[in-house]
Amino acid sequence: MATTSEFLQQNNVSVPLLQSSMNYFLLGIVYTLYLCFKKDENGKRVIFQVLKKHWWKYALLALIDVEANYMVILAYQYTSLTSVQLLDIFVIPAAMFLSFFFLKVRYLPIHFIGLVIAIIGVVCMVVADVLLGKGGTSSNAALGDFLVLGGATCYAISNVAMEFVSKKHNSGPTEILAMYGLFCPLICGVQMALLERQALTQIVWTSTVILLLLGFGACMFIFYSLMPYVMKISSATAVNISLLTSDLFSLFVGIFVFMYEPSPLYLVSFVTISAALVIYNIKEPIPRQPNNSTSRNNSRSSSLISDAVPPSVEDIPLNNERGTWFTKAKTNPNDPA
């Protein structure tokens, strides 16, 4: 994706919303249409059941996801590459914070050690960029840094919600992708009409530009299609740590394609981030012990896809082997789990 974006920049094409919309349209064609034809055991269309109960929740998540992509891409116009790389790490502690409160997991010291080592790896990458003169310049650093932090926060919200829905039931991955495919193109279309009209009229539509846009959309589509399934067997935090290596892979491609000057620190950074991912996954996050009085008084489920639960519900693990914990009703609180 970074390689196609670099080629688009070389062709004087800067339309982040159009680039993102290619992926969202593909999600709509594949997953939204699939959900339109899918029926439940009563013969009712599943998509209508989902929209009836949770349309505003998925619309809000779609808006957050679109703005995450838009803000981070836009930040490159105002702040330096080094600032974007450093501040983008904020998505990891943000995802951990949200997982602690909404997924009810507790992190061990080994997880924080992995996080610190990952940050060290990113710092090595940034230092290499600075030494090679690739840090870039800032036209409005404060605005650019604010956009990066905002985009990282939105990414964290979107990723944790994707993990939550994907692990809640078997059709969760398809459901959230279908909702993104339904709402995100509408949001992108409105924003493009407001913010990218001039840029779109200035594009020279050559076959190269069209292929690059399609290539970017196809890569994003594959990435989004895999994400919820990876979240289902892993976690939003682990995925975001692993994604730190994506900048390094793009740099390695740039060394051969764009003739970037290599640096030994890139290899150090790659090894450090890979080690951080291994260390983080040595132990699974463990569940927070529920407060019995609080859980008995809690009359609503925090799930996007479940309705209210009775006051006698206690929080017990649904997915112990993956370290993710959700709510499940027990008819008698005194019964063993």
Protein backbone atom coordinates (compact mmCIF):
# COMPACT_ATOMS: atom_id res chain seq x y z
CA MET A 1 0.00 0.00 0.00
CA ALA A 2 2.83 2.37 0.84
CA THR A 3 4.52 1.58 -2.48
CA THR A 4 1.41 2.36 -4.51
CA SER A 5 0.92 5.58 -2.52
CA GLU A 6 4.50 6.60 -3.27
CA PHE A 7 3.95 6.03 -7.00
CA LEU A 8 0.72 8.05 -6.82
CA GLN A 9 2.60 10.93 -5.19
CA GLN A 10 5.14 10.78 -8.01
CA ASN A 11 2.23 11.13 -10.45
CA ASN A 12 0.97 14.20 -8.51
CA VAL A 13 -2.11 12.35 -7.23
CA SER A 14 -3.11 13.14 -3.64
CA VAL A 15 -6.66 11.91 -2.99
CA PRO A 16 -6.70 9.95 0.31
CA LEU A 17 -10.48 9.72 0.43
CA LEU A 18 -10.68 8.32 -3.09
CA GLN A 19 -7.97 5.79 -2.23
CA SER A 20 -9.86 4.66 0.87
CA SER A 21 -13.19 4.53 -0.96
CA MET A 22 -11.84 1.93 -3.40
CA ASN A 23 -11.44 -0.49 -0.50
CA TYR A 24 -14.83 0.36 1.03
CA PHE A 25 -16.62 -0.17 -2.29
CA LEU A 26 -15.02 -3.61 -2.59
CA LEU A 27 -16.14 -4.43 0.95
CA GLY A 28 -19.66 -3.44 -0.03
CA ILE A 29 -19.66 -5.53 -3.19
CA VAL A 30 -18.41 -8.65 -1.41
CA TYR A 31 -19.55 -8.60 2.22
CA THR A 32 -22.58 -6.30 2.20
CA LEU A 33 -24.16 -8.12 -0.73
CA TYR A 34 -23.41 -11.44 0.97
CA LEU A 35 -25.19 -10.28 4.13
CA CYS A 36 -28.11 -9.03 2.03
CA PHE A 37 -28.78 -12.56 0.76
CA LYS A 38 -28.09 -14.32 4.05
CA LYS A 39 -31.13 -15.44 6.06
CA ASP A 40 -31.49 -16.54 9.67
CA GLU A 41 -33.20 -19.69 10.89
CA ASN A 42 -36.58 -17.92 10.66
CA GLY A 43 -36.08 -17.02 7.01
CA LYS A 44 -35.51 -13.31 7.71
CA ARG A 45 -32.77 -11.26 6.06
CA VAL A 46 -29.87 -10.97 8.48
CA ILE A 47 -28.88 -7.51 7.29
CA PHE A 48 -32.28 -6.08 8.25
CA GLN A 49 -32.03 -7.60 11.71
CA VAL A 50 -28.58 -6.09 12.22
CA LEU A 51 -29.58 -2.67 10.93
CA LYS A 52 -32.77 -2.61 12.97
CA LYS A 53 -30.91 -3.09 16.24
CA HIS A 54 -27.44 -1.62 15.69
CA TRP A 55 -27.35 0.59 12.59
CA TRP A 56 -26.21 3.71 14.47
CA LYS A 57 -23.40 1.83 16.22
CA TYR A 58 -21.97 0.54 12.97
CA ALA A 59 -22.47 3.91 11.29
CA LEU A 60 -20.46 5.52 14.08
CA LEU A 61 -17.70 2.92 13.77
CA ALA A 62 -17.63 3.44 9.99
CA LEU A 63 -17.23 7.20 10.50
CA ILE A 64 -14.39 6.60 12.96
CA ASP A 65 -12.62 4.25 10.55
CA VAL A 66 -12.89 6.66 7.61
CA GLU A 67 -11.60 9.56 9.68
CA ALA A 68 -8.71 7.48 11.01
CA ASN A 69 -7.44 6.82 7.50
CA TYR A 70 -8.07 10.39 6.40
CA MET A 71 -6.39 12.10 9.37
CA VAL A 72 -3.20 10.05 9.26
CA ILE A 73 -2.76 10.49 5.50
CA LEU A 74 -3.53 14.22 5.78
CA ALA A 75 -1.00 14.61 8.61
CA TYR A 76 1.88 14.00 6.16
CA GLN A 77 1.08 17.35 4.52
CA TYR A 78 1.62 19.27 7.76
CA THR A 79 4.18 17.48 9.90
CA SER A 80 7.35 15.48 9.34
CA LEU A 81 7.69 11.78 8.69
CA THR A 82 9.49 11.33 12.01
CA SER A 83 6.62 12.91 13.93
CA VAL A 84 4.07 10.69 12.18
CA GLN A 85 6.09 7.54 12.91
CA LEU A 86 6.61 8.43 16.57
CA LEU A 87 3.10 9.65 17.36
CA ASP A 88 1.44 6.81 15.46
CA ILE A 89 2.67 4.48 18.23
CA PHE A 90 -0.08 6.02 20.35
CA VAL A 91 -2.51 3.54 18.78
CA ILE A 92 -0.98 0.72 20.87
CA PRO A 93 -1.45 2.16 24.40
CA ALA A 94 -4.85 3.48 23.27
CA ALA A 95 -5.87 -0.04 22.19
CA MET A 96 -4.60 -1.45 25.50
CA PHE A 97 -6.57 1.17 27.43
CA LEU A 98 -9.79 0.44 25.53
CA SER A 99 -9.28 -3.33 25.83
CA PHE A 100 -8.83 -2.99 29.58
CA PHE A 101 -12.17 -1.25 30.03
CA PHE A 102 -14.34 -2.76 27.29
CA LEU A 103 -12.87 -6.23 26.73
CA LYS A 104 -12.18 -6.71 30.45
CA VAL A 105 -8.59 -7.88 30.11
CA ARG A 106 -5.71 -7.19 32.47
CA TYR A 107 -2.18 -6.84 31.15
CA LEU A 108 0.86 -8.39 32.81
CA PRO A 109 4.32 -6.79 33.15
CA ILE A 110 5.51 -8.86 30.18
CA HIS A 111 3.04 -7.03 27.93
CA PHE A 112 4.33 -3.62 28.98
CA ILE A 113 7.90 -4.82 28.43
CA GLY A 114 6.92 -5.83 24.90
CA LEU A 115 5.36 -2.40 24.36
CA VAL A 116 8.52 -0.60 25.51
CA ILE A 117 10.72 -2.75 23.26
CA ALA A 118 8.41 -2.02 20.31
CA ILE A 119 8.75 1.71 20.96
CA ILE A 120 12.55 1.31 21.03
CA GLY A 121 12.34 -0.38 17.62
CA VAL A 122 10.33 2.52 16.19
CA VAL A 123 12.81 5.01 17.65
CA CYS A 124 15.63 3.16 15.85
CA MET A 125 13.70 3.50 12.59
CA VAL A 126 13.09 7.20 13.16
CA VAL A 127 16.78 7.81 14.01
CA ALA A 128 17.76 6.06 10.78
CA ASP A 129 15.40 8.33 8.81
CA VAL A 130 16.86 11.43 10.48
CA LEU A 131 20.45 10.36 9.83
CA LEU A 132 19.60 9.73 6.18
CA GLY A 133 17.84 13.08 5.87
CA LYS A 134 14.40 11.55 5.40
CA GLY A 135 12.79 13.16 8.43
CA GLY A 136 11.03 15.74 6.31
CA THR A 137 9.88 19.25 7.18
CA SER A 138 6.83 20.62 8.92
CA SER A 139 4.55 23.33 7.55
CA ASN A 140 2.23 23.22 10.57
CA ALA A 141 3.65 20.75 13.09
CA ALA A 142 1.00 21.32 15.77
CA LEU A 143 -1.85 20.59 13.36
CA GLY A 144 -0.05 17.60 11.87
CA ASP A 145 0.72 16.10 15.29
CA PHE A 146 -2.89 16.61 16.37
CA LEU A 147 -4.09 14.80 13.24
CA VAL A 148 -1.77 11.85 13.92
CA LEU A 149 -2.93 11.52 17.51
CA GLY A 150 -6.56 11.80 16.43
CA GLY A 151 -6.08 9.21 13.71
CA ALA A 152 -4.28 6.83 16.09
CA THR A 153 -7.12 7.15 18.61
CA CYS A 154 -9.69 6.42 15.91
CA TYR A 155 -7.69 3.41 14.74
CA ALA A 156 -7.62 2.08 18.30
CA ILE A 157 -11.39 2.45 18.68
CA SER A 158 -12.05 0.80 15.32
CA ASN A 159 -9.64 -2.08 16.00
CA VAL A 160 -10.90 -2.84 19.50
CA ALA A 161 -14.50 -2.76 18.26
CA MET A 162 -13.53 -5.11 15.43
CA GLU A 163 -11.91 -7.50 17.91
CA PHE A 164 -14.98 -7.34 20.16
CA VAL A 165 -17.48 -8.10 17.39
CA SER A 166 -15.27 -10.74 15.74
CA LYS A 167 -14.89 -12.73 18.95
CA LYS A 168 -18.50 -12.40 20.03
CA HIS A 169 -19.98 -14.80 17.49
CA ASN A 170 -18.92 -16.77 14.42
CA SER A 171 -20.40 -14.37 11.86
CA GLY A 172 -18.90 -11.31 13.57
CA PRO A 173 -16.09 -10.75 11.02
CA THR A 174 -18.50 -10.84 8.08
CA GLU A 175 -21.00 -8.62 9.88
CA ILE A 176 -18.62 -5.77 10.69
CA LEU A 177 -17.04 -5.85 7.21
CA ALA A 178 -20.51 -5.75 5.66
CA MET A 179 -21.44 -2.73 7.77
CA TYR A 180 -18.21 -0.97 6.78
CA GLY A 181 -19.04 -1.75 3.17
CA LEU A 182 -22.47 -0.20 3.64
CA PHE A 183 -21.70 3.00 5.56
CA CYS A 184 -18.07 3.87 4.69
CA PRO A 185 -18.67 4.52 0.94
CA LEU A 186 -21.47 6.93 1.83
CA ILE A 187 -19.25 8.81 4.28
CA CYS A 188 -16.34 8.87 1.84
CA GLY A 189 -18.60 10.13 -0.94
CA VAL A 190 -19.85 13.06 1.14
CA GLN A 191 -16.33 13.99 2.25
CA MET A 192 -14.94 13.73 -1.26
CA ALA A 193 -17.65 16.08 -2.53
CA LEU A 194 -16.72 18.58 0.18
CA LEU A 195 -12.94 18.24 0.39
CA GLU A 196 -11.49 16.62 -2.74
CA ARG A 197 -13.45 18.08 -5.64
CA GLN A 198 -10.60 20.27 -6.81
CA ALA A 199 -7.99 17.53 -6.44
CA LEU A 200 -10.15 15.12 -8.43
CA THR A 201 -10.53 17.57 -11.33
CA GLN A 202 -6.73 17.99 -11.49
CA ILE A 203 -5.94 14.30 -11.86
CA VAL A 204 -4.55 13.21 -15.21
CA TRP A 205 -6.34 9.91 -15.68
CA THR A 206 -3.70 7.70 -17.24
CA SER A 207 -3.72 3.92 -17.22
CA THR A 208 -0.88 4.00 -14.67
CA VAL A 209 -2.87 6.15 -12.22
CA ILE A 210 -5.96 3.96 -12.60
CA LEU A 211 -3.94 0.77 -12.01
CA LEU A 212 -2.24 2.29 -8.97
CA LEU A 213 -5.58 3.30 -7.45
CA LEU A 214 -7.01 -0.15 -8.12
CA GLY A 215 -3.87 -1.77 -6.70
CA PHE A 216 -4.10 0.31 -3.53
CA GLY A 217 -7.78 -0.55 -3.15
CA ALA A 218 -7.12 -4.26 -3.69
CA CYS A 219 -4.33 -4.28 -1.06
CA MET A 220 -6.54 -2.46 1.43
CA PHE A 221 -9.40 -4.86 0.71
CA ILE A 222 -7.21 -7.89 1.44
CA PHE A 223 -5.90 -6.19 4.59
CA TYR A 224 -9.39 -5.37 5.88
CA SER A 225 -10.70 -8.82 4.98
CA LEU A 226 -8.00 -10.52 7.04
CA MET A 227 -8.05 -8.14 10.00
CA PRO A 228 -11.17 -9.40 11.83
CA TYR A 229 -10.09 -13.02 11.48
CA VAL A 230 -6.64 -12.19 12.85
CA MET A 231 -8.33 -10.26 15.67
CA LYS A 232 -10.41 -13.34 16.43
CA ILE A 233 -7.35 -15.46 17.20
CA SER A 234 -5.18 -12.63 18.52
CA SER A 235 -5.92 -9.13 19.82
CA ALA A 236 -6.04 -5.54 18.63
CA THR A 237 -2.89 -4.69 20.61
CA ALA A 238 -0.86 -7.59 19.21
CA VAL A 239 -1.97 -6.77 15.67
CA ASN A 240 -0.95 -3.12 16.04
CA ILE A 241 2.47 -4.11 17.37
CA SER A 242 2.98 -6.37 14.36
CA LEU A 243 1.85 -3.57 12.03
CA LEU A 244 4.80 -1.49 13.19
CA THR A 245 6.90 -3.61 10.84
CA SER A 246 4.85 -2.40 7.86
CA ASP A 247 6.87 0.83 7.67
CA LEU A 248 10.04 -1.25 7.58
CA PHE A 249 8.75 -3.49 4.81
CA SER A 250 7.87 -0.39 2.78
CA LEU A 251 11.39 0.91 3.38
CA PHE A 252 12.89 -2.40 2.27
CA VAL A 253 10.80 -2.20 -0.92
CA GLY A 254 11.90 1.42 -1.34
CA ILE A 255 15.55 0.39 -1.22
CA PHE A 256 15.06 -1.68 -4.39
CA VAL A 257 12.26 0.24 -6.13
CA PHE A 258 12.97 3.88 -5.23
CA MET A 259 16.71 3.47 -4.53
CA TYR A 260 16.49 4.54 -0.90
CA GLU A 261 19.79 4.53 0.96
CA PRO A 262 19.85 1.53 3.34
CA SER A 263 20.78 1.82 7.01
CA PRO A 264 21.80 -0.90 9.50
CA LEU A 265 19.35 0.67 11.95
CA TYR A 266 16.47 -0.50 9.78
CA LEU A 267 17.50 -4.10 10.38
CA VAL A 268 17.95 -3.37 14.11
CA SER A 269 14.48 -1.86 14.19
CA PHE A 270 12.94 -4.85 12.42
CA VAL A 271 14.57 -7.34 14.79
CA THR A 272 13.59 -5.26 17.84
CA ILE A 273 9.92 -4.94 16.83
CA SER A 274 9.76 -8.66 15.96
CA ALA A 275 11.24 -9.48 19.37
CA ALA A 276 8.67 -7.17 21.01
CA LEU A 277 5.85 -9.08 19.29
CA VAL A 278 7.24 -12.41 20.50
CA ILE A 279 7.65 -11.12 24.06
CA TYR A 280 4.16 -9.64 24.10
CA ASN A 281 2.66 -12.99 23.04
CA ILE A 282 4.57 -15.09 25.58
CA LYS A 283 1.53 -14.83 27.85
CA GLU A 284 -2.05 -14.01 27.03
CA PRO A 285 -3.73 -11.06 28.76
CA ILE A 286 -5.78 -12.38 31.65
CA PRO A 287 -9.36 -11.51 32.57
CA ARG A 288 -10.16 -8.89 35.13
CA GLN A 289 -12.09 -10.44 37.99
CA PRO A 290 -15.64 -9.08 37.80
CA ASN A 291 -17.14 -7.26 40.73
CA ASN A 292 -20.08 -9.48 41.72
CA SER A 293 -22.22 -6.66 43.02
CA THR A 294 -21.54 -4.58 39.94
CA SER A 295 -22.17 -7.44 37.52
CA ARG A 296 -25.47 -8.32 39.19
CA ASN A 297 -26.66 -4.73 38.95
CA ASN A 298 -25.55 -4.34 35.37
CA SER A 299 -28.65 -4.57 33.19
CA ARG A 300 -27.07 -4.01 29.82
CA SER A 301 -24.50 -5.86 27.77
CA SER A 302 -21.58 -3.93 26.29
CA SER A 303 -21.76 -5.93 23.06
CA LEU A 304 -22.58 -4.33 19.76
CA ILE A 305 -24.58 -7.36 18.82
CA SER A 306 -26.37 -8.52 21.96
CA ASP A 307 -29.42 -7.16 23.67
CA ALA A 308 -29.91 -6.32 27.33
CA VAL A 309 -29.19 -9.07 29.85
CA PRO A 310 -30.96 -9.69 33.16
CA PRO A 311 -29.63 -8.17 36.39
CA SER A 312 -28.52 -11.62 37.61
CA VAL A 313 -25.91 -11.97 34.89
CA GLU A 314 -22.33 -12.64 35.93
CA ASP A 315 -19.28 -12.15 33.74
CA ILE A 316 -17.62 -15.43 32.88
CA PRO A 317 -15.17 -16.35 30.11
CA LEU A 318 -16.47 -17.38 26.71
CA ASN A 319 -13.07 -17.77 25.11
CA ASN A 320 -10.56 -18.71 27.76
CA GLU A 321 -7.96 -20.09 25.39
CA ARG A 322 -7.68 -16.72 23.62
CA GLY A 323 -7.69 -14.59 26.72
CA THR A 324 -10.76 -12.62 25.70
CA TRP A 325 -13.73 -12.36 28.02
CA PHE A 326 -17.33 -11.49 27.39
CA THR A 327 -20.61 -11.81 29.20
CA LYS A 328 -22.77 -14.90 29.37
CA ALA A 329 -25.97 -15.39 31.35
CA LYS A 330 -26.34 -17.95 34.14
CA THR A 331 -29.78 -18.90 35.29
CA ASN A 332 -28.59 -19.43 38.85
CA PRO A 333 -25.74 -17.27 40.21
CA ASN A 334 -24.88 -20.02 42.70
CA ASP A 335 -24.25 -22.61 40.00
CA PRO A 336 -20.60 -23.33 39.25
CA ALA A 337 -19.19 -21.72 36.10
